[in-house]
């Protein structure tokens, strides 16, 4: 068999949830060709098998062959304890393009509550009025947008993944959809043009929130709110990239990073999902731009 044929077999085994078989197939591929994709596939299988040291070795082989790969660099960071400021765009796009078609079903199996947590927070300060200009950051397939559509005069969505943008468009709930990095898209929007910013399960791929908080303060009108969720836990006093590939953020960090730009108006802790039988602790936050 050719290396490409072994890779294909490995991909099929990985998607079918057979990591041992996938590792064997990718092992055959790297033995004959050793492409970056083969080494990455082997590493992903080793991660699934609970073999982090082997995965690190495979990822370093992949990095030598594809030094610009955001996927490889992020996986290496999460396994070696590095703490970069954010996940590379290449990693985020790859991850969500992979999951796009079955994303809603996948979240249902996890008991995902991100949009519900944000809506519960929103219900404390407003009821649906159909008069808010809302931007949904990291909109995904549109689950959060769907929850907030009744609040919106205009609802825009931003996502890095083309697959997610395609799924969101099918819902027919967004007035405009923007594919790209949320920082770049926000920078192109007019100042004081939004009443509400939403980010459900988006900041878990951004560690350093300082640039985003600055962008939110510029985009929001006075009195406008930024509602978002983060994962909590072992973040210490700042942010931390975990073995899940996602970031956790400490309460104190959120308050510090808001600074004088946005004011903490409300927060609510909760269990945001169940993963591998374990509850993931999260927090929904409401930050407000002060009145002029």
Protein backbone atom coordinates (compact mmCIF):
# COMPACT_ATOMS: atom_id res chain seq x y z
CA UNK A 1 0.00 0.00 0.00
CA UNK A 2 1.10 3.56 -0.64
CA UNK A 3 1.65 6.04 2.22
CA UNK A 4 -1.44 7.96 1.07
CA UNK A 5 -3.53 4.79 1.27
CA UNK A 6 -2.29 4.16 4.82
CA UNK A 7 -3.14 7.76 5.71
CA UNK A 8 -6.66 7.33 4.35
CA UNK A 9 -7.12 4.15 6.38
CA UNK A 10 -5.81 5.97 9.45
CA UNK A 11 -8.23 8.86 8.95
CA UNK A 12 -11.15 6.47 8.58
CA UNK A 13 -10.15 4.56 11.73
CA UNK A 14 -9.73 7.82 13.66
CA UNK A 15 -13.16 9.08 12.60
CA UNK A 16 -14.67 5.71 13.57
CA UNK A 17 -13.21 5.97 17.07
CA UNK A 18 -10.56 3.25 16.67
CA UNK A 19 -7.37 4.99 17.81
CA UNK A 20 -5.27 1.84 18.04
CA UNK A 21 -6.01 0.94 14.45
CA UNK A 22 -5.47 4.55 13.39
CA UNK A 23 -2.07 4.65 15.10
CA UNK A 24 -1.02 1.45 13.35
CA UNK A 25 -2.06 2.82 9.95
CA UNK A 26 -0.32 6.16 10.45
CA UNK A 27 2.70 4.27 11.75
CA UNK A 28 2.88 2.44 8.43
CA UNK A 29 2.57 5.74 6.60
CA UNK A 30 5.41 7.45 8.49
CA UNK A 31 7.61 4.38 8.07
CA UNK A 32 7.42 4.71 4.30
CA UNK A 33 7.04 8.45 3.67
CA UNK A 34 7.06 10.46 6.88
CA UNK A 35 4.94 13.40 5.69
CA UNK A 36 3.76 16.05 8.15
CA UNK A 37 0.18 14.86 7.72
CA UNK A 38 1.16 11.28 8.60
CA UNK A 39 3.03 12.37 11.71
CA UNK A 40 0.10 14.59 12.75
CA UNK A 41 -2.34 11.71 12.29
CA UNK A 42 -0.11 9.47 14.37
CA UNK A 43 0.11 12.13 17.09
CA UNK A 44 -3.67 12.59 17.22
CA UNK A 45 -4.09 8.83 17.58
CA UNK A 46 -1.50 8.75 20.35
CA UNK A 47 -3.34 11.55 22.15
CA UNK A 48 -6.54 9.50 21.94
CA UNK A 49 -4.66 6.50 23.33
CA UNK A 50 -3.40 8.51 26.30
CA UNK A 51 0.24 8.49 25.17
CA UNK A 52 1.29 12.15 25.46
CA UNK A 53 5.06 11.54 25.34
CA UNK A 54 4.75 9.59 22.09
CA UNK A 55 2.42 12.27 20.72
CA UNK A 56 4.96 15.00 21.53
CA UNK A 57 7.68 13.09 19.66
CA UNK A 58 5.40 12.66 16.63
CA UNK A 59 4.38 16.32 16.69
CA UNK A 60 8.01 17.40 16.73
CA UNK A 61 8.57 15.32 13.62
CA UNK A 62 5.55 17.01 12.04
CA UNK A 63 6.82 20.45 13.11
CA UNK A 64 10.17 19.83 11.44
CA UNK A 65 8.37 19.11 8.17
CA UNK A 66 5.69 21.82 8.50
CA UNK A 67 7.07 24.54 10.79
CA UNK A 68 4.23 26.97 9.96
CA UNK A 69 1.42 24.60 10.93
CA UNK A 70 -0.82 26.19 13.55
CA UNK A 71 -2.40 22.80 14.25
CA UNK A 72 0.93 21.21 15.12
CA UNK A 73 2.19 24.18 17.16
CA UNK A 74 -1.00 24.38 19.25
CA UNK A 75 -1.07 20.65 19.98
CA UNK A 76 2.57 20.81 21.03
CA UNK A 77 1.85 23.78 23.28
CA UNK A 78 -1.04 22.04 25.02
CA UNK A 79 1.00 18.87 25.63
CA UNK A 80 4.22 20.54 26.77
CA UNK A 81 2.72 23.11 29.14
CA UNK A 82 3.37 26.20 27.04
CA UNK A 83 0.93 29.08 27.44
CA UNK A 84 0.68 31.14 24.23
CA UNK A 85 -1.68 34.10 24.09
CA UNK A 86 -4.17 32.44 21.76
CA UNK A 87 -4.77 29.41 19.59
CA UNK A 88 -3.46 29.88 16.03
CA UNK A 89 -6.07 30.64 13.38
CA UNK A 90 -5.01 27.52 11.51
CA UNK A 91 -5.80 25.32 14.49
CA UNK A 92 -9.21 26.89 15.16
CA UNK A 93 -10.24 26.72 11.49
CA UNK A 94 -9.07 23.10 11.21
CA UNK A 95 -10.86 22.05 14.41
CA UNK A 96 -14.21 23.58 13.54
CA UNK A 97 -14.16 22.74 9.86
CA UNK A 98 -13.70 19.14 11.00
CA UNK A 99 -16.75 19.27 13.28
CA UNK A 100 -19.01 21.63 11.30
CA UNK A 101 -21.42 19.17 9.69
CA UNK A 102 -22.28 17.32 12.92
CA UNK A 103 -21.48 20.07 15.41
CA UNK A 104 -24.95 20.57 16.89
CA UNK A 105 -25.41 16.83 17.45
CA UNK A 106 -21.96 16.63 19.03
CA UNK A 107 -22.77 19.46 21.45
CA UNK A 108 -26.06 17.80 22.35
CA UNK A 109 -24.14 14.73 23.55
CA UNK A 110 -22.06 17.02 25.79
CA UNK A 111 -25.07 18.73 27.35
CA UNK A 112 -23.64 22.05 26.19
CA UNK A 113 -25.19 25.07 27.96
CA UNK A 114 -23.24 28.09 26.69
CA UNK A 115 -26.12 29.94 24.96
CA UNK A 116 -28.48 29.09 27.85
CA UNK A 117 -26.02 30.58 30.36
CA UNK A 118 -25.77 33.80 28.35
CA UNK A 119 -29.53 34.03 27.92
CA UNK A 120 -30.09 33.55 31.67
CA UNK A 121 -27.70 36.43 32.28
CA UNK A 122 -29.41 38.58 29.62
CA UNK A 123 -32.81 37.96 31.18
CA UNK A 124 -31.61 39.70 34.33
CA UNK A 125 -31.31 43.05 32.59
CA UNK A 126 -33.52 42.99 29.49
CA UNK A 127 -36.36 41.23 27.75
CA UNK A 128 -36.69 40.65 23.98
CA UNK A 129 -37.31 44.02 22.35
CA UNK A 130 -36.24 43.42 18.73
CA UNK A 131 -34.24 46.65 18.84
CA UNK A 132 -30.62 45.67 19.58
CA UNK A 133 -27.72 45.59 17.16
CA UNK A 134 -25.98 42.35 18.10
CA UNK A 135 -22.68 40.82 16.97
CA UNK A 136 -22.13 37.11 17.67
CA UNK A 137 -18.39 36.44 18.02
CA UNK A 138 -17.40 32.93 17.04
CA UNK A 139 -20.99 32.27 15.98
CA UNK A 140 -20.42 28.64 14.98
CA UNK A 141 -23.56 27.06 13.58
CA UNK A 142 -25.72 29.80 15.10
CA UNK A 143 -26.91 28.28 18.37
CA UNK A 144 -26.30 31.48 20.32
CA UNK A 145 -27.65 33.65 17.51
CA UNK A 146 -30.82 31.58 17.49
CA UNK A 147 -31.29 32.14 21.22
CA UNK A 148 -30.87 35.92 20.86
CA UNK A 149 -32.65 36.53 17.54
CA UNK A 150 -35.74 37.93 19.30
CA UNK A 151 -33.57 40.60 20.93
CA UNK A 152 -32.10 41.76 17.63
CA UNK A 153 -32.87 44.50 15.17
CA UNK A 154 -29.73 43.40 13.36
CA UNK A 155 -27.82 40.21 14.09
CA UNK A 156 -24.34 39.70 12.62
CA UNK A 157 -22.11 36.68 13.05
CA UNK A 158 -18.34 36.21 12.84
CA UNK A 159 -16.49 32.91 12.59
CA UNK A 160 -13.07 31.80 11.41
CA UNK A 161 -14.33 28.48 10.06
CA UNK A 162 -15.83 28.42 6.57
CA UNK A 163 -17.70 25.24 7.52
CA UNK A 164 -19.32 26.94 10.49
CA UNK A 165 -20.26 29.99 8.43
CA UNK A 166 -21.95 27.68 5.94
CA UNK A 167 -23.96 25.98 8.69
CA UNK A 168 -24.90 29.33 10.26
CA UNK A 169 -26.11 30.66 6.91
CA UNK A 170 -28.49 27.71 6.61
CA UNK A 171 -30.34 28.84 9.72
CA UNK A 172 -31.35 32.08 8.00
CA UNK A 173 -31.21 34.09 11.23
CA UNK A 174 -28.21 36.37 10.58
CA UNK A 175 -28.40 39.63 8.68
CA UNK A 176 -24.68 39.46 7.88
CA UNK A 177 -22.05 36.76 8.31
CA UNK A 178 -18.32 37.50 8.29
CA UNK A 179 -15.69 34.79 7.87
CA UNK A 180 -12.43 35.74 9.54
CA UNK A 181 -10.58 36.35 12.77
CA UNK A 182 -12.85 38.17 15.21
CA UNK A 183 -10.20 40.76 16.08
CA UNK A 184 -9.73 41.67 12.41
CA UNK A 185 -13.46 41.80 11.67
CA UNK A 186 -14.19 43.92 14.74
CA UNK A 187 -11.42 46.32 13.76
CA UNK A 188 -13.27 46.95 10.48
CA UNK A 189 -16.62 47.71 12.14
CA UNK A 190 -17.60 51.28 13.01
CA UNK A 191 -17.06 52.49 16.56
CA UNK A 192 -20.10 52.50 18.85
CA UNK A 193 -22.09 50.39 16.39
CA UNK A 194 -23.32 47.53 18.62
CA UNK A 195 -25.58 47.25 21.65
CA UNK A 196 -24.66 43.68 22.50
CA UNK A 197 -21.68 41.42 21.83
CA UNK A 198 -22.00 37.66 22.37
CA UNK A 199 -19.26 35.06 22.71
CA UNK A 200 -20.39 31.58 23.74
CA UNK A 201 -17.47 29.12 23.93
CA UNK A 202 -15.26 31.44 21.89
CA UNK A 203 -12.87 32.84 24.49
CA UNK A 204 -11.75 29.30 25.36
CA UNK A 205 -9.52 29.59 22.28
CA UNK A 206 -8.13 33.00 23.29
CA UNK A 207 -5.94 33.24 26.35
CA UNK A 208 -4.90 36.89 26.36
CA UNK A 209 -8.18 38.80 26.33
CA UNK A 210 -6.69 42.30 26.42
CA UNK A 211 -7.01 43.01 22.66
CA UNK A 212 -10.58 41.68 22.56
CA UNK A 213 -11.69 43.73 25.55
CA UNK A 214 -10.25 46.81 23.86
CA UNK A 215 -12.10 46.00 20.65
CA UNK A 216 -15.35 45.42 22.56
CA UNK A 217 -15.02 48.76 24.34
CA UNK A 218 -14.65 50.49 20.96
CA UNK A 219 -17.53 48.68 19.23
CA UNK A 220 -20.11 48.89 22.02
CA UNK A 221 -22.33 51.91 22.44
CA UNK A 222 -22.38 53.49 25.92
CA UNK A 223 -24.41 51.19 28.12
CA UNK A 224 -23.90 48.26 25.75
CA UNK A 225 -23.05 44.80 27.07
CA UNK A 226 -20.51 42.10 26.27
CA UNK A 227 -21.84 38.67 27.27
CA UNK A 228 -19.43 35.75 27.13
CA UNK A 229 -18.57 32.41 28.67
CA UNK A 230 -15.22 31.12 29.83
CA UNK A 231 -14.08 27.87 31.36
CA UNK A 232 -12.86 28.17 34.93
CA UNK A 233 -10.79 25.92 37.13
CA UNK A 234 -7.02 25.68 37.27
CA UNK A 235 -6.32 29.07 35.72
CA UNK A 236 -4.59 30.45 38.83
CA UNK A 237 -4.62 34.22 38.61
CA UNK A 238 -4.54 34.51 34.82
CA UNK A 239 -5.22 32.24 31.86
CA UNK A 240 -3.92 28.76 31.14
CA UNK A 241 -3.91 26.48 28.10
CA UNK A 242 -4.96 23.00 29.18
CA UNK A 243 -4.55 19.50 27.79
CA UNK A 244 -7.98 19.92 26.17
CA UNK A 245 -6.51 22.53 23.81
CA UNK A 246 -8.77 25.14 25.44
CA UNK A 247 -8.02 28.00 27.81
CA UNK A 248 -9.30 28.53 31.32
CA UNK A 249 -9.58 32.04 32.79
CA UNK A 250 -9.54 33.08 36.43
CA UNK A 251 -12.19 35.44 37.81
CA UNK A 252 -9.54 37.87 38.97
CA UNK A 253 -8.05 38.00 35.49
CA UNK A 254 -11.39 38.92 33.90
CA UNK A 255 -11.89 41.74 36.39
CA UNK A 256 -8.35 43.00 35.95
CA UNK A 257 -8.40 42.89 32.15
CA UNK A 258 -11.71 44.78 32.00
CA UNK A 259 -9.91 47.65 33.69
CA UNK A 260 -11.48 51.06 33.18
CA UNK A 261 -12.68 50.15 29.68
CA UNK A 262 -15.61 47.91 30.62
CA UNK A 263 -17.33 47.45 33.95
CA UNK A 264 -18.22 44.07 35.43
CA UNK A 265 -22.00 44.14 35.77
CA UNK A 266 -22.86 40.49 36.45
CA UNK A 267 -21.60 36.92 36.37
CA UNK A 268 -23.01 33.45 36.91
CA UNK A 269 -21.12 30.23 37.47
CA UNK A 270 -22.35 26.94 36.09
CA UNK A 271 -21.51 23.66 34.46
CA UNK A 272 -21.05 24.41 30.78
CA UNK A 273 -20.73 20.84 29.44
CA UNK A 274 -20.08 17.23 30.36
CA UNK A 275 -16.93 15.78 28.85
CA UNK A 276 -15.71 12.22 29.40
CA UNK A 277 -18.26 11.96 32.21
CA UNK A 278 -16.88 15.01 34.03
CA UNK A 279 -18.59 18.39 34.38
CA UNK A 280 -16.66 21.34 32.94
CA UNK A 281 -17.01 24.38 35.16
CA UNK A 282 -17.72 27.67 33.43
CA UNK A 283 -18.76 31.23 34.06
CA UNK A 284 -20.96 33.61 32.11
CA UNK A 285 -19.95 37.27 32.35
CA UNK A 286 -21.60 40.57 31.54
CA UNK A 287 -19.30 43.51 30.99
CA UNK A 288 -20.78 46.92 30.24
CA UNK A 289 -19.35 49.97 28.49
CA UNK A 290 -19.80 52.89 30.89
CA UNK A 291 -22.23 55.62 29.96
CA UNK A 292 -20.53 58.69 28.51
